[in-house]
């Protein structure tokens, strides 16, 4: 009986410790694309210097007015020298991109 109660108590403590919610904060940064290779390299020249970003699982490309870009739009509008605003989350040392915002037409 003591073993059963102890086991249940340990299980509850373990479940509550690993079941904690993780809060992700999205941060934005603005600059000009300095290096760009789709799916692998995304470096933005910001006021503090070049910053390397990591691609997230899903990235949304939009204009400042919120229009979602098609794949064809992304191929022509996301290029070195383009001004962008990057929305990202910090995971360890990495800045992981969630959304990239470009100027309107």
C-alpha atoms as a PDB file:
ATOM      1  CA  UNK A   1       0.000   0.000   0.000  1.00  0.00           C
ATOM      2  CA  UNK A   2       2.814   2.425   0.860  1.00  0.00           C
ATOM      3  CA  UNK A   3       4.506   1.607  -2.484  1.00  0.00           C
ATOM      4  CA  UNK A   4       1.299   2.367  -4.376  1.00  0.00           C
ATOM      5  CA  UNK A   5       0.811   5.746  -2.674  1.00  0.00           C
ATOM      6  CA  UNK A   6       4.471   6.659  -3.159  1.00  0.00           C
ATOM      7  CA  UNK A   7       4.286   5.676  -6.847  1.00  0.00           C
ATOM      8  CA  UNK A   8       1.169   7.771  -7.388  1.00  0.00           C
ATOM      9  CA  UNK A   9       2.737  10.767  -5.636  1.00  0.00           C
ATOM     10  CA  UNK A  10       5.890  10.498  -7.784  1.00  0.00           C
ATOM     11  CA  UNK A  11       3.785  10.202 -10.942  1.00  0.00           C
ATOM     12  CA  UNK A  12       1.828  13.361 -10.078  1.00  0.00           C
ATOM     13  CA  UNK A  13       4.964  15.357  -9.309  1.00  0.00           C
ATOM     14  CA  UNK A  14       6.642  14.191 -12.532  1.00  0.00           C
ATOM     15  CA  UNK A  15       3.567  14.938 -14.662  1.00  0.00           C
ATOM     16  CA  UNK A  16       3.210  18.445 -13.282  1.00  0.00           C
ATOM     17  CA  UNK A  17       6.915  19.196 -13.796  1.00  0.00           C
ATOM     18  CA  UNK A  18       6.935  18.080 -17.439  1.00  0.00           C
ATOM     19  CA  UNK A  19       3.472  19.383 -18.248  1.00  0.00           C
ATOM     20  CA  UNK A  20       4.430  23.012 -17.688  1.00  0.00           C
ATOM     21  CA  UNK A  21       3.361  25.385 -20.420  1.00  0.00           C
ATOM     22  CA  UNK A  22       6.025  27.023 -22.558  1.00  0.00           C
ATOM     23  CA  UNK A  23       5.434  30.620 -23.582  1.00  0.00           C
ATOM     24  CA  UNK A  24       6.913  31.788 -26.872  1.00  0.00           C
ATOM     25  CA  UNK A  25       7.364  35.484 -27.494  1.00  0.00           C
ATOM     26  CA  UNK A  26       7.555  36.833 -31.025  1.00  0.00           C
ATOM     27  CA  UNK A  27       9.957  39.697 -31.617  1.00  0.00           C
ATOM     28  CA  UNK A  28      10.314  41.871 -34.705  1.00  0.00           C
ATOM     29  CA  UNK A  29      13.389  43.294 -36.327  1.00  0.00           C
ATOM     30  CA  UNK A  30      13.824  45.479 -39.405  1.00  0.00           C
ATOM     31  CA  UNK A  31      16.601  45.747 -41.957  1.00  0.00           C
ATOM     32  CA  UNK A  32      17.729  44.819 -45.465  1.00  0.00           C
ATOM     33  CA  UNK A  33      18.328  41.287 -46.714  1.00  0.00           C
ATOM     34  CA  UNK A  34      22.105  40.801 -46.912  1.00  0.00           C
ATOM     35  CA  UNK A  35      22.279  37.058 -47.712  1.00  0.00           C
ATOM     36  CA  UNK A  36      19.460  34.838 -48.923  1.00  0.00           C
ATOM     37  CA  UNK A  37      19.296  31.215 -49.983  1.00  0.00           C
ATOM     38  CA  UNK A  38      15.729  29.844 -49.827  1.00  0.00           C
ATOM     39  CA  UNK A  39      15.350  27.347 -46.998  1.00  0.00           C
ATOM     40  CA  UNK A  40      18.883  27.671 -45.646  1.00  0.00           C
ATOM     41  CA  UNK A  41      20.340  31.188 -45.304  1.00  0.00           C
ATOM     42  CA  UNK A  42      18.586  34.366 -44.229  1.00  0.00           C
ATOM     43  CA  UNK A  43      20.806  37.218 -43.011  1.00  0.00           C
ATOM     44  CA  UNK A  44      19.439  40.704 -42.431  1.00  0.00           C
ATOM     45  CA  UNK A  45      21.626  43.805 -42.175  1.00  0.00           C
ATOM     46  CA  UNK A  46      20.186  45.634 -39.190  1.00  0.00           C
ATOM     47  CA  UNK A  47      21.267  48.841 -37.449  1.00  0.00           C
ATOM     48  CA  UNK A  48      23.502  46.768 -35.142  1.00  0.00           C
ATOM     49  CA  UNK A  49      25.040  44.768 -38.026  1.00  0.00           C
ATOM     50  CA  UNK A  50      24.219  41.512 -39.840  1.00  0.00           C
ATOM     51  CA  UNK A  51      21.924  39.060 -38.034  1.00  0.00           C
ATOM     52  CA  UNK A  52      21.494  35.423 -39.088  1.00  0.00           C
ATOM     53  CA  UNK A  53      18.038  33.854 -38.810  1.00  0.00           C
ATOM     54  CA  UNK A  54      16.965  30.206 -38.846  1.00  0.00           C
ATOM     55  CA  UNK A  55      13.957  29.053 -40.826  1.00  0.00           C
ATOM     56  CA  UNK A  56      10.959  27.879 -38.778  1.00  0.00           C
ATOM     57  CA  UNK A  57       8.698  24.976 -39.710  1.00  0.00           C
ATOM     58  CA  UNK A  58       6.220  27.340 -41.336  1.00  0.00           C
ATOM     59  CA  UNK A  59       6.991  30.840 -42.523  1.00  0.00           C
ATOM     60  CA  UNK A  60       4.393  33.292 -43.747  1.00  0.00           C
ATOM     61  CA  UNK A  61       5.441  35.924 -46.271  1.00  0.00           C
ATOM     62  CA  UNK A  62       3.231  39.027 -46.243  1.00  0.00           C
ATOM     63  CA  UNK A  63       3.144  42.676 -47.279  1.00  0.00           C
ATOM     64  CA  UNK A  64       2.857  45.464 -44.715  1.00  0.00           C
ATOM     65  CA  UNK A  65      -0.888  45.635 -45.469  1.00  0.00           C
ATOM     66  CA  UNK A  66      -1.200  41.912 -44.644  1.00  0.00           C
ATOM     67  CA  UNK A  67      -1.524  40.436 -48.154  1.00  0.00           C
ATOM     68  CA  UNK A  68      -0.103  36.894 -48.124  1.00  0.00           C
ATOM     69  CA  UNK A  69       2.483  36.419 -50.881  1.00  0.00           C
ATOM     70  CA  UNK A  70       2.238  33.520 -53.309  1.00  0.00           C
ATOM     71  CA  UNK A  71       5.268  31.308 -54.028  1.00  0.00           C
ATOM     72  CA  UNK A  72       5.775  33.258 -57.274  1.00  0.00           C
ATOM     73  CA  UNK A  73       5.701  36.558 -55.344  1.00  0.00           C
ATOM     74  CA  UNK A  74       8.239  35.245 -52.837  1.00  0.00           C
ATOM     75  CA  UNK A  75      10.635  34.267 -55.652  1.00  0.00           C
ATOM     76  CA  UNK A  76      10.588  37.797 -57.076  1.00  0.00           C
ATOM     77  CA  UNK A  77      10.238  39.934 -53.950  1.00  0.00           C
ATOM     78  CA  UNK A  78      12.473  38.207 -51.389  1.00  0.00           C
ATOM     79  CA  UNK A  79      16.010  39.013 -52.580  1.00  0.00           C
ATOM     80  CA  UNK A  80      19.252  40.601 -51.452  1.00  0.00           C
ATOM     81  CA  UNK A  81      18.770  44.328 -50.940  1.00  0.00           C
ATOM     82  CA  UNK A  82      15.047  44.125 -50.139  1.00  0.00           C
ATOM     83  CA  UNK A  83      13.870  45.864 -46.957  1.00  0.00           C
ATOM     84  CA  UNK A  84      12.111  43.451 -44.574  1.00  0.00           C
ATOM     85  CA  UNK A  85      10.627  43.128 -41.127  1.00  0.00           C
ATOM     86  CA  UNK A  86      11.319  39.727 -39.579  1.00  0.00           C
ATOM     87  CA  UNK A  87       8.999  38.262 -36.935  1.00  0.00           C
ATOM     88  CA  UNK A  88      10.872  35.614 -34.960  1.00  0.00           C
ATOM     89  CA  UNK A  89      11.009  33.606 -31.763  1.00  0.00           C
ATOM     90  CA  UNK A  90      14.228  32.967 -29.856  1.00  0.00           C
ATOM     91  CA  UNK A  91      15.043  29.296 -29.286  1.00  0.00           C
ATOM     92  CA  UNK A  92      18.317  28.994 -27.420  1.00  0.00           C
ATOM     93  CA  UNK A  93      20.840  30.954 -29.482  1.00  0.00           C
ATOM     94  CA  UNK A  94      18.706  30.851 -32.657  1.00  0.00           C
ATOM     95  CA  UNK A  95      16.294  33.436 -34.005  1.00  0.00           C
ATOM     96  CA  UNK A  96      13.628  31.313 -35.690  1.00  0.00           C
ATOM     97  CA  UNK A  97      11.568  33.066 -38.385  1.00  0.00           C
ATOM     98  CA  UNK A  98       7.757  32.917 -38.173  1.00  0.00           C
ATOM     99  CA  UNK A  99       6.857  35.652 -40.639  1.00  0.00           C
ATOM    100  CA  UNK A 100       8.638  37.900 -43.123  1.00  0.00           C
ATOM    101  CA  UNK A 101       7.028  41.201 -44.038  1.00  0.00           C
ATOM    102  CA  UNK A 102       7.935  43.173 -47.190  1.00  0.00           C
ATOM    103  CA  UNK A 103       6.886  46.583 -48.482  1.00  0.00           C
ATOM    104  CA  UNK A 104       3.631  46.824 -50.424  1.00  0.00           C
ATOM    105  CA  UNK A 105       3.720  47.108 -54.222  1.00  0.00           C
END
